[in-house]
Amino acid sequence: MYTCALSGQEVKKKDTQCDHIDPIISLDESENDWNGIVSRCLNTDNYQVVSKEAHKAKTGAENSKRFKGKKKL
C-alpha cells in the first residue's frame, strides 16, 4: 500500500501514479523555456506518488488554469 501525497489515503500500487509536484508545463507560462521544462521533468525531488483519482483531478484543475481564456482547436 502507498499513501497518496494529495489525499493522504492508502492506495494499492495498481491505483497509483507518479505526479510532478510542480507541473512540467508551467501554469503561468513564465518558466516554459527548455531549461525550466527539463529541470521540472528530471528533478526526482519533484515527484510524488498519488492515486489515479487524485492525479486526474489535479491535472484537470491545472489544465483549467493553463487554458483559461484560450480557444480550443
Protein backbone atom coordinates (compact mmCIF):
# COMPACT_ATOMS: atom_id res chain seq x y z
CA MET A 1 0.00 0.00 0.00
CA TYR A 2 1.06 3.56 -0.74
CA THR A 3 -0.07 6.87 0.72
CA CYS A 4 -1.40 9.39 -1.80
CA ALA A 5 0.52 12.64 -1.36
CA LEU A 6 -2.58 14.66 -2.28
CA SER A 7 -5.36 12.95 -0.34
CA GLY A 8 -3.45 11.08 2.36
CA GLN A 9 -5.44 7.94 1.57
CA GLU A 10 -3.90 4.47 1.47
CA VAL A 11 -3.87 3.22 -2.14
CA LYS A 12 -2.95 -0.10 -3.77
CA LYS A 13 0.08 0.01 -6.08
CA LYS A 14 -2.10 -0.64 -9.15
CA ASP A 15 -4.11 2.50 -8.32
CA THR A 16 -1.14 4.88 -8.08
CA GLN A 17 0.64 7.19 -10.49
CA CYS A 18 3.74 9.35 -10.34
CA ASP A 19 2.96 13.07 -10.39
CA HIS A 20 5.18 16.10 -10.85
CA ILE A 21 4.63 18.37 -7.86
CA ASP A 22 5.41 21.42 -10.00
CA PRO A 23 3.84 20.84 -13.43
CA ILE A 24 6.28 20.27 -16.28
CA ILE A 25 4.46 22.94 -18.30
CA SER A 26 4.21 26.00 -16.05
CA LEU A 27 0.67 27.20 -15.37
CA ASP A 28 1.55 30.85 -15.95
CA GLU A 29 3.90 30.15 -18.89
CA SER A 30 6.64 32.23 -17.26
CA GLU A 31 9.12 29.37 -16.97
CA ASN A 32 8.32 27.38 -20.10
CA ASP A 33 11.75 27.65 -21.63
CA TRP A 34 13.62 24.44 -22.40
CA ASN A 35 15.79 24.59 -19.25
CA GLY A 36 12.80 25.04 -16.94
CA ILE A 37 10.84 22.21 -18.56
CA VAL A 38 13.77 19.78 -18.43
CA SER A 39 14.56 20.74 -14.85
CA ARG A 40 10.99 20.06 -13.66
CA CYS A 41 10.78 16.87 -15.69
CA LEU A 42 14.01 15.24 -14.47
CA ASN A 43 14.24 16.52 -10.88
CA THR A 44 13.33 13.49 -8.72
CA ASP A 45 12.54 15.83 -5.80
CA ASN A 46 9.62 16.99 -7.95
CA TYR A 47 7.94 13.54 -7.96
CA GLN A 48 5.18 12.33 -5.69
CA VAL A 49 3.04 9.19 -5.53
CA VAL A 50 -0.66 9.93 -5.93
CA SER A 51 -3.83 7.97 -6.53
CA LYS A 52 -5.10 7.84 -10.10
CA GLU A 53 -8.25 9.65 -8.98
CA ALA A 54 -6.35 12.48 -7.27
CA HIS A 55 -3.95 12.79 -10.22
CA LYS A 56 -6.82 13.14 -12.67
CA ALA A 57 -8.40 15.87 -10.52
CA LYS A 58 -5.09 17.74 -10.10
CA THR A 59 -4.33 17.57 -13.83
CA GLY A 60 -7.84 18.78 -14.67
CA ALA A 61 -7.50 21.76 -12.33
CA GLU A 62 -4.07 22.61 -13.76
CA ASN A 63 -5.38 22.41 -17.32
CA SER A 64 -8.32 24.67 -16.44
CA LYS A 65 -5.86 27.31 -15.22
CA ARG A 66 -3.45 26.74 -18.08
CA PHE A 67 -6.04 27.04 -20.83
CA LYS A 68 -8.33 29.64 -19.23
CA GLY A 69 -9.43 32.09 -21.88
CA LYS A 70 -7.76 30.19 -24.71
CA LYS A 71 -9.70 28.82 -27.65
CA LYS A 72 -9.74 25.08 -28.23
CA LEU A 73 -8.73 24.00 -31.69
